[in-house]
Amino acid sequence: MNRTGELRASELPLIGNADLWEQLPADLAPKFRARAGDVAVDMVREIQNQIAEYSQKLEGMFGQVVVEGVEQAIHQFIDRMVDPTAQREDRAKLFRLLGKLEVSAGRSLDLLQTAYRIGARVAWRRISEFGQTERVPLATMCLIAEAIFAYIDELSLRSMEGYAEAQARHAGALQRRRKRLLELLLGEPGYHPNALAEVAEAAHWPLPEKVLVVALERRTDQHQLPIPSLHEDILMDLEGSEPCLLLTDPERQLVALEQKLGGWRAAVGPVVPLTSARQSLRWARRTITLIQSGVIADKPMVDTTEHLSTLLLLGDEELVRELVKRTLAPLEGLTPKQQQRMRETMTAWVETRGSAPEVASSLAVHPQTVRYRLRQLEELFGTKLHDPDALFDMGIALRALRLLGGSTGQPRRLGPAGPPGFTGPPGARSA
């Protein structure tokens, strides 16, 4: 078929998208253009009747873009009948804009695609009426119908591109707002509640009453970790020097969290009021430090609330080292091995205040050995072994030393080195 001729029905199966526009009868274009205004009015009316979200008055930018979009869609279709090789990129901008506006309106792309389909049905109805009046051959009408729906697919694709671009920008802006919100919650106190509410609203994040913070650390063998797919209510910073998550509904959100944090070491802080989120992070971060040093056992996810006494005891390492040094100073004249034995005996006795047989049983030694060691302790510590305040300090010092040095009592370096005095110089005493 040539540009003005008819198309035989037997040729229809041979038509493909590549040469579809070349085979449209160009001589029909002027007749279609004369009716374009009426068709545009019909399309807009039908779209507004069937889609409630588009039923508002066509005012402002929304109305301008809808009307212009319908008119351009019709005229571009007719222009392409005349010149299938015409540049399309500039004309595609409007339909990308329609997709972007759907994101701004908070709608899915389904409504716009429905509007395209309604427009296509109206166009086909009017063209069918024209075809009957003008006695356009059936084969030609079938070709025009195919072109209409191929054209609608193309417009939908352009709008999808605009929608995806706007979504990506929106997600990026939302992510920046949420990061700012997290910084505000975990930063230095003193922000105004109104400022917090404004940032939270812009981030589409309802302010909860209570939260908890999960401190994270990449494990030594994990350097490039993918960003886990987490619930939208969870605020996260995985790229900073101290990565963390802020949870608003721990019972629900923690269930699946461990499986999604493969490659990360995680310490779950306690649930606190929203205004104390920084404190939850501080305790969780301190737990990470104690895991690194071996004081707290390493697991995929550690609950900070199970180690509160350890956090309290080692909250000020230099202070606790000083307490250990002063409280256990009488042991400095013993050899390291003797010190360890005497600390074990002191611990069992201070914790149980039991008889020699009871202490011996807990240490798996003979009662006479315990009696001998207790006499030595009496010589070293004197009346302090019967002073409640001194015994309290001893209990703290002994527990702290176990945490700092494990079963051997040799102090770990959790931070700057503490003062000497844990093992002392060798002596001549035996135990």
Protein backbone atom coordinates (compact mmCIF):
# COMPACT_ATOMS: atom_id res chain seq x y z
CA MET A 1 0.00 0.00 0.00
CA ASN A 2 1.31 3.52 -0.80
CA ARG A 3 0.88 6.66 1.34
CA THR A 4 -2.60 7.38 -0.06
CA GLY A 5 -3.80 3.93 -1.01
CA GLU A 6 -5.80 1.31 0.78
CA LEU A 7 -4.52 -1.66 2.75
CA ARG A 8 -5.78 -5.14 2.03
CA ALA A 9 -6.82 -7.18 5.05
CA SER A 10 -4.40 -9.94 4.06
CA GLU A 11 -1.51 -7.52 4.64
CA LEU A 12 -2.35 -6.82 8.29
CA PRO A 13 -0.31 -9.68 9.83
CA LEU A 14 2.79 -8.34 8.09
CA ILE A 15 2.60 -4.96 9.81
CA GLY A 16 5.10 -4.38 12.59
CA ASN A 17 5.85 -1.44 14.85
CA ALA A 18 8.90 -0.52 12.76
CA ASP A 19 6.97 0.41 9.64
CA LEU A 20 3.53 1.01 11.16
CA TRP A 21 3.62 4.80 10.83
CA GLU A 22 4.96 4.60 7.26
CA GLN A 23 1.84 2.75 6.22
CA LEU A 24 -0.72 5.16 7.70
CA PRO A 25 -2.67 7.08 5.04
CA ALA A 26 -1.27 10.62 5.20
CA ASP A 27 -4.19 12.07 3.24
CA LEU A 28 -6.44 11.53 6.29
CA ALA A 29 -4.32 13.80 8.50
CA PRO A 30 -5.98 17.14 7.49
CA LYS A 31 -9.42 15.68 8.11
CA PHE A 32 -8.37 14.39 11.54
CA ARG A 33 -6.81 17.75 12.43
CA ALA A 34 -10.06 19.58 11.68
CA ARG A 35 -11.77 17.51 14.33
CA ALA A 36 -8.91 17.53 16.89
CA GLY A 37 -10.38 20.24 19.12
CA ASP A 38 -13.69 18.45 19.58
CA VAL A 39 -11.93 15.15 20.25
CA ALA A 40 -9.74 16.80 22.91
CA VAL A 41 -12.80 18.18 24.71
CA ASP A 42 -14.42 14.74 24.65
CA MET A 43 -11.28 13.09 26.02
CA VAL A 44 -10.93 15.53 28.93
CA ARG A 45 -14.63 15.22 29.82
CA GLU A 46 -14.50 11.40 29.74
CA ILE A 47 -11.32 11.25 31.81
CA GLN A 48 -12.82 13.54 34.44
CA ASN A 49 -16.04 11.54 34.55
CA GLN A 50 -14.28 8.21 35.08
CA ILE A 51 -11.34 9.18 37.31
CA ALA A 52 -12.33 10.95 40.51
CA GLU A 53 -8.79 12.20 41.18
CA TYR A 54 -8.88 14.11 37.87
CA SER A 55 -12.39 15.51 38.36
CA GLN A 56 -11.17 18.76 39.92
CA LYS A 57 -11.44 22.01 38.01
CA LEU A 58 -8.78 22.26 35.35
CA GLU A 59 -6.98 25.19 36.93
CA GLY A 60 -3.39 26.02 37.67
CA MET A 61 -0.52 23.83 36.59
CA PHE A 62 -2.54 20.62 36.89
CA GLY A 63 -5.29 21.81 34.55
CA GLN A 64 -2.82 23.34 32.12
CA VAL A 65 -0.77 20.17 31.84
CA VAL A 66 -3.80 17.87 31.49
CA VAL A 67 -5.40 19.94 28.72
CA GLU A 68 -2.09 20.52 26.97
CA GLY A 69 -1.23 16.85 27.29
CA VAL A 70 -4.46 15.76 25.62
CA GLU A 71 -4.11 18.31 22.83
CA GLN A 72 -0.47 17.49 22.17
CA ALA A 73 -1.16 13.77 22.17
CA ILE A 74 -3.75 14.25 19.42
CA HIS A 75 -1.68 16.65 17.31
CA GLN A 76 1.49 14.58 17.62
CA PHE A 77 -0.40 11.52 16.42
CA ILE A 78 -1.61 13.44 13.38
CA ASP A 79 1.86 14.95 12.75
CA ARG A 80 3.38 11.49 12.75
CA MET A 81 0.87 10.34 10.13
CA VAL A 82 2.27 13.07 7.89
CA ASP A 83 5.96 12.64 8.77
CA PRO A 84 6.85 9.43 10.64
CA THR A 85 10.53 10.48 10.81
CA ALA A 86 9.90 13.70 12.79
CA GLN A 87 11.99 14.17 15.95
CA ARG A 88 10.08 13.04 19.05
CA GLU A 89 12.34 13.86 21.99
CA ASP A 90 11.14 17.43 22.56
CA ARG A 91 7.54 16.31 22.31
CA ALA A 92 8.14 13.56 24.87
CA LYS A 93 9.01 16.05 27.62
CA LEU A 94 5.38 16.87 28.40
CA PHE A 95 4.48 13.24 28.94
CA ARG A 96 7.48 12.73 31.21
CA LEU A 97 6.23 15.77 33.13
CA LEU A 98 2.83 14.12 33.55
CA GLY A 99 4.56 11.17 35.19
CA LYS A 100 6.51 13.48 37.50
CA LEU A 101 3.34 15.29 38.56
CA GLU A 102 1.81 11.99 39.66
CA VAL A 103 4.70 11.54 42.10
CA SER A 104 4.22 15.08 43.40
CA ALA A 105 0.53 14.33 43.94
CA GLY A 106 1.38 11.16 45.87
CA ARG A 107 -0.37 8.90 43.36
CA SER A 108 0.67 5.70 41.63
CA LEU A 109 1.08 5.62 37.86
CA ASP A 110 -2.07 3.52 37.48
CA LEU A 111 -4.39 6.52 37.25
CA LEU A 112 -2.41 8.17 34.47
CA GLN A 113 -2.24 4.94 32.51
CA THR A 114 -5.98 4.55 32.95
CA ALA A 115 -6.43 8.09 31.59
CA TYR A 116 -4.34 7.16 28.54
CA ARG A 117 -6.55 4.14 27.90
CA ILE A 118 -9.71 6.23 28.25
CA GLY A 119 -8.27 8.75 25.80
CA ALA A 120 -7.48 5.96 23.36
CA ARG A 121 -11.05 4.64 23.54
CA VAL A 122 -12.50 8.11 22.92
CA ALA A 123 -10.14 8.65 19.98
CA TRP A 124 -11.04 5.29 18.49
CA ARG A 125 -14.77 5.96 18.94
CA ARG A 126 -14.53 9.28 17.11
CA ILE A 127 -12.32 7.82 14.36
CA SER A 128 -14.77 4.95 13.92
CA GLU A 129 -17.57 7.47 13.41
CA PHE A 130 -15.38 9.31 10.93
CA GLY A 131 -14.52 6.09 9.12
CA GLN A 132 -18.16 5.16 8.67
CA THR A 133 -19.05 8.63 7.40
CA GLU A 134 -16.08 8.82 5.02
CA ARG A 135 -16.28 5.15 4.04
CA VAL A 136 -12.68 4.45 5.05
CA PRO A 137 -11.78 0.83 4.17
CA LEU A 138 -11.86 -1.68 7.06
CA ALA A 139 -8.21 -2.64 6.59
CA THR A 140 -7.17 1.01 6.90
CA MET A 141 -9.29 1.42 10.03
CA CYS A 142 -7.60 -1.62 11.56
CA LEU A 143 -4.21 -0.10 10.83
CA ILE A 144 -5.22 3.19 12.45
CA ALA A 145 -6.48 1.29 15.51
CA GLU A 146 -3.16 -0.49 15.83
CA ALA A 147 -1.33 2.85 15.55
CA ILE A 148 -3.51 4.41 18.25
CA PHE A 149 -2.75 1.74 20.81
CA ALA A 150 0.94 1.56 19.88
CA TYR A 151 1.05 5.34 20.36
CA ILE A 152 -0.62 5.10 23.78
CA ASP A 153 1.98 2.52 24.82
CA GLU A 154 4.69 4.97 23.79
CA LEU A 155 3.16 7.83 25.80
CA SER A 156 2.79 5.54 28.81
CA LEU A 157 6.46 4.63 28.54
CA ARG A 158 7.50 8.31 28.51
CA SER A 159 5.37 8.96 31.60
CA MET A 160 6.88 5.91 33.31
CA GLU A 161 10.33 7.38 32.68
CA GLY A 162 9.30 10.70 34.24
CA TYR A 163 7.63 8.92 37.15
CA ALA A 164 10.74 6.82 37.87
CA GLU A 165 12.99 9.89 37.68
CA ALA A 166 10.78 11.86 40.08
CA GLN A 167 10.53 8.88 42.43
CA ALA A 168 14.32 8.60 42.55
CA ARG A 169 14.62 12.32 43.34
CA HIS A 170 11.87 12.09 45.93
CA ALA A 171 13.54 9.08 47.55
CA GLY A 172 16.87 10.88 47.60
CA ALA A 173 15.35 14.00 49.16
CA LEU A 174 13.43 11.90 51.67
CA GLN A 175 16.58 10.00 52.57
CA ARG A 176 18.45 13.27 53.16
CA ARG A 177 15.64 14.56 55.39
CA ARG A 178 15.61 11.34 57.39
CA LYS A 179 19.35 11.45 57.81
CA ARG A 180 19.04 15.02 59.07
CA LEU A 181 16.33 13.87 61.48
CA LEU A 182 18.55 11.06 62.77
CA GLU A 183 21.42 13.51 63.28
CA LEU A 184 19.08 15.78 65.21
CA LEU A 185 17.86 12.95 67.47
CA LEU A 186 21.34 11.58 68.16
CA GLY A 187 23.22 14.85 68.31
CA GLU A 188 23.81 17.19 71.19
CA PRO A 189 20.61 17.88 73.17
CA GLY A 190 18.98 21.25 73.00
CA TYR A 191 16.87 21.16 69.83
CA HIS A 192 13.48 22.83 70.01
CA PRO A 193 10.51 20.39 69.91
CA ASN A 194 8.90 22.43 67.12
CA ALA A 195 12.04 22.10 65.00
CA LEU A 196 12.05 18.34 65.54
CA ALA A 197 8.38 18.08 64.59
CA GLU A 198 8.96 20.06 61.39
CA VAL A 199 11.91 17.91 60.31
CA ALA A 200 9.98 14.72 61.14
CA GLU A 201 6.98 15.86 59.12
CA ALA A 202 9.17 16.69 56.13
CA ALA A 203 10.73 13.23 56.44
CA HIS A 204 7.29 11.54 56.57
CA TRP A 205 8.25 10.00 59.92
CA PRO A 206 5.64 10.04 62.71
CA LEU A 207 7.27 10.91 66.03
CA PRO A 208 7.09 7.93 68.44
CA GLU A 209 7.15 8.13 72.22
CA LYS A 210 9.93 5.55 72.65
CA VAL A 211 12.81 4.31 70.49
CA LEU A 212 15.92 2.22 70.68
CA VAL A 213 19.18 2.53 68.77
CA VAL A 214 21.19 -0.31 67.27
CA ALA A 215 24.92 0.41 67.00
CA LEU A 216 26.56 -1.32 64.04
CA GLU A 217 30.08 -2.21 63.03
CA ARG A 218 31.36 -3.90 59.91
CA ARG A 219 33.13 -7.12 60.75
CA THR A 220 36.82 -7.19 59.86
CA ASP A 221 36.28 -9.46 56.84
CA GLN A 222 33.40 -7.35 55.49
CA HIS A 223 34.23 -4.11 53.67
CA GLN A 224 31.64 -3.66 50.92
CA LEU A 225 28.24 -4.51 52.36
CA PRO A 226 24.99 -3.94 50.48
CA ILE A 227 22.45 -1.63 52.11
CA PRO A 228 19.89 -3.92 53.74
CA SER A 229 16.22 -3.53 52.87
CA LEU A 230 14.70 -2.38 56.15
CA HIS A 231 11.26 -1.22 57.23
CA GLU A 232 10.50 2.36 56.18
CA ASP A 233 10.01 3.41 59.82
CA ILE A 234 13.65 2.62 60.64
CA LEU A 235 16.02 5.57 60.44
CA MET A 236 19.50 4.53 59.38
CA ASP A 237 23.01 5.78 58.83
CA LEU A 238 25.16 3.03 57.36
CA GLU A 239 27.80 5.20 55.71
CA GLY A 240 29.01 7.30 58.64
CA SER A 241 31.94 6.55 60.91
CA GLU A 242 29.55 5.15 63.54
CA PRO A 243 26.75 3.41 61.63
CA CYS A 244 23.49 2.86 63.47
CA LEU A 245 19.75 2.27 63.19
CA LEU A 246 16.92 3.90 65.13
CA LEU A 247 13.87 1.68 65.70
CA THR A 248 10.39 2.84 66.64
CA ASP A 249 8.70 -0.54 67.19
CA PRO A 250 11.37 -2.94 68.49
CA GLU A 251 9.10 -5.94 69.06
CA ARG A 252 8.08 -5.92 65.42
CA GLN A 253 11.22 -4.58 63.76
CA LEU A 254 13.84 -6.64 65.63
CA VAL A 255 12.34 -9.96 64.55
CA ALA A 256 13.67 -9.82 60.99
CA LEU A 257 16.58 -7.48 61.63
CA GLU A 258 19.22 -10.09 62.49
CA GLN A 259 18.74 -11.90 59.18
CA LYS A 260 19.09 -8.66 57.24
CA LEU A 261 22.31 -7.56 58.96
CA GLY A 262 24.63 -10.27 57.71
CA GLY A 263 28.23 -9.04 57.86
CA TRP A 264 27.46 -6.48 60.58
CA ARG A 265 28.14 -6.68 64.31
CA ALA A 266 25.09 -5.24 66.10
CA ALA A 267 24.48 -4.07 69.66
CA VAL A 268 20.87 -3.29 70.55
CA GLY A 269 20.52 -0.38 72.95
CA PRO A 270 17.74 -0.15 75.56
CA VAL A 271 14.29 1.28 74.81
CA VAL A 272 14.25 4.92 75.90
CA PRO A 273 12.06 8.02 75.45
CA LEU A 274 12.53 9.68 72.07
CA THR A 275 14.42 12.56 73.63
CA SER A 276 16.94 10.08 75.12
CA ALA A 277 17.80 8.34 71.84
CA ARG A 278 21.37 9.63 72.15
CA GLN A 279 21.73 7.74 75.44
CA SER A 280 20.57 4.47 73.87
CA LEU A 281 23.20 4.94 71.16
CA ARG A 282 25.92 5.67 73.74
CA TRP A 283 25.23 2.46 75.63
CA ALA A 284 24.99 0.42 72.44
CA ARG A 285 28.24 1.91 71.14
CA ARG A 286 29.97 1.14 74.44
CA THR A 287 28.74 -2.44 74.13
CA ILE A 288 30.37 -2.66 70.69
CA THR A 289 33.65 -1.52 72.28
CA LEU A 290 33.41 -4.20 74.97
CA ILE A 291 32.64 -6.83 72.33
CA GLN A 292 35.74 -5.76 70.42
CA SER A 293 37.90 -6.19 73.53
CA GLY A 294 36.38 -9.57 74.41
CA VAL A 295 34.70 -8.44 77.64
CA ILE A 296 31.28 -9.25 76.13
CA ALA A 297 30.90 -12.35 73.99
CA ASP A 298 30.56 -11.66 70.27
CA LYS A 299 27.24 -12.66 68.70
CA PRO A 300 25.43 -11.50 65.54
CA MET A 301 23.21 -9.31 67.73
CA VAL A 302 23.91 -8.44 71.36
CA ASP A 303 21.24 -7.09 73.70
CA THR A 304 22.76 -4.26 75.72
CA THR A 305 20.23 -4.68 78.52
CA GLU A 306 21.75 -8.07 79.33
CA HIS A 307 25.05 -6.37 80.19
CA LEU A 308 24.00 -3.25 82.09
CA SER A 309 26.06 -4.10 85.19
CA THR A 310 29.13 -4.55 82.99
CA LEU A 311 28.48 -1.22 81.29
CA LEU A 312 28.05 0.43 84.68
CA LEU A 313 31.16 -1.15 86.12
CA LEU A 314 33.34 -0.29 83.12
CA GLY A 315 31.69 3.02 82.32
CA ASP A 316 34.82 4.87 83.42
CA GLU A 317 37.72 2.52 82.80
CA GLU A 318 40.39 4.73 84.28
CA LEU A 319 38.35 5.17 87.45
CA VAL A 320 37.75 1.45 87.86
CA ARG A 321 41.44 0.73 87.26
CA GLU A 322 42.27 3.15 90.04
CA LEU A 323 39.75 1.40 92.31
CA VAL A 324 41.32 -1.97 91.51
CA LYS A 325 44.80 -0.63 92.16
CA ARG A 326 43.93 0.87 95.56
CA THR A 327 41.61 -1.88 96.77
CA LEU A 328 43.89 -4.77 95.85
CA ALA A 329 47.15 -3.00 96.66
CA PRO A 330 47.97 -5.46 99.54
CA LEU A 331 48.44 -8.19 96.89
CA GLU A 332 51.23 -6.34 95.10
CA GLY A 333 53.96 -8.12 97.05
CA LEU A 334 52.91 -11.51 95.64
CA THR A 335 53.93 -13.22 92.42
CA PRO A 336 51.38 -13.09 89.57
CA LYS A 337 50.45 -16.74 90.18
CA GLN A 338 49.98 -16.12 93.89
CA GLN A 339 47.91 -13.01 93.15
CA GLN A 340 45.61 -15.03 90.92
CA ARG A 341 45.05 -17.68 93.62
CA MET A 342 44.38 -15.09 96.29
CA ARG A 343 41.94 -13.20 94.03
CA GLU A 344 40.06 -16.40 93.33
CA THR A 345 39.81 -17.11 97.05
CA MET A 346 38.77 -13.54 97.85
CA THR A 347 36.11 -13.62 95.14
CA ALA A 348 34.59 -16.87 96.41
CA TRP A 349 34.65 -15.66 99.99
CA VAL A 350 33.35 -12.11 99.33
CA GLU A 351 30.54 -13.38 97.12
CA THR A 352 29.42 -16.23 99.38
CA ARG A 353 30.70 -15.21 102.86
CA GLY A 354 30.58 -18.94 103.43
CA SER A 355 32.67 -21.28 105.57
CA ALA A 356 35.99 -22.70 104.48
CA PRO A 357 34.41 -25.97 103.22
CA GLU A 358 31.89 -23.99 101.10
CA VAL A 359 34.61 -21.80 99.61
CA ALA A 360 36.80 -24.86 99.04
CA SER A 361 33.96 -26.59 97.23
CA SER A 362 33.48 -23.66 94.84
CA LEU A 363 37.23 -23.55 94.15
CA ALA A 364 37.68 -27.33 93.98
CA VAL A 365 40.49 -27.27 96.58
CA HIS A 366 40.93 -28.72 100.06
CA PRO A 367 39.28 -26.76 102.94
CA GLN A 368 42.63 -26.57 104.71
CA THR A 369 44.06 -24.75 101.67
CA VAL A 370 41.25 -22.21 101.90
CA ARG A 371 41.85 -21.72 105.65
CA TYR A 372 45.53 -21.08 104.95
CA ARG A 373 44.74 -18.55 102.22
CA LEU A 374 42.17 -16.79 104.39
CA ARG A 375 44.78 -16.38 107.14
CA GLN A 376 47.11 -14.86 104.56
CA LEU A 377 44.37 -12.48 103.48
CA GLU A 378 43.83 -11.49 107.09
CA GLU A 379 47.52 -10.64 107.33
CA LEU A 380 47.41 -8.64 104.08
CA PHE A 381 44.13 -6.78 104.47
CA GLY A 382 43.66 -6.70 108.27
CA THR A 383 40.36 -5.28 109.49
CA LYS A 384 39.23 -4.39 105.94
CA LEU A 385 38.03 -7.97 105.51
CA HIS A 386 35.37 -7.21 108.13
CA ASP A 387 34.48 -3.69 107.00
CA PRO A 388 31.25 -3.69 104.89
CA ASP A 389 32.32 -0.68 102.82
CA ALA A 390 35.74 -2.19 102.14
CA LEU A 391 34.17 -5.53 101.23
CA PHE A 392 31.82 -3.75 98.81
CA ASP A 393 34.80 -2.10 97.10
CA MET A 394 36.61 -5.45 96.96
CA GLY A 395 33.62 -7.08 95.29
CA ILE A 396 33.51 -4.35 92.66
CA ALA A 397 37.28 -4.44 92.12
CA LEU A 398 37.40 -8.22 91.76
CA ARG A 399 34.48 -8.31 89.33
CA ALA A 400 35.96 -5.45 87.30
CA LEU A 401 39.30 -7.18 87.15
CA ARG A 402 37.66 -10.38 85.90
CA LEU A 403 35.88 -8.39 83.19
CA LEU A 404 39.03 -6.53 82.24
CA GLY A 405 41.28 -9.57 82.27
CA GLY A 406 39.09 -12.64 81.90
CA SER A 407 39.91 -15.74 83.88
CA THR A 408 43.61 -14.88 84.17
CA GLY A 409 43.09 -11.47 85.69
CA GLN A 410 45.59 -9.94 83.24
CA PRO A 411 44.09 -6.55 82.26
CA ARG A 412 42.91 -6.00 78.69
CA ARG A 413 43.55 -2.67 77.03
CA LEU A 414 40.05 -1.27 76.47
CA GLY A 415 41.40 2.23 76.11
CA PRO A 416 44.51 4.06 77.25
CA ALA A 417 46.66 1.92 79.49
CA GLY A 418 45.76 2.16 83.16
CA PRO A 419 48.15 2.55 86.05
CA PRO A 420 50.29 -0.42 87.02
CA GLY A 421 49.58 -2.50 90.07
CA PHE A 422 47.46 -5.39 88.89
CA THR A 423 50.19 -8.01 89.06
CA GLY A 424 52.94 -6.26 91.01
CA PRO A 425 56.56 -7.30 91.40
CA PRO A 426 57.39 -10.89 92.27
CA GLY A 427 57.60 -11.69 95.99
CA ALA A 428 58.72 -14.57 98.16
CA ARG A 429 55.33 -15.46 99.70
CA SER A 430 53.60 -18.73 98.82
CA ALA A 431 49.95 -19.67 99.00
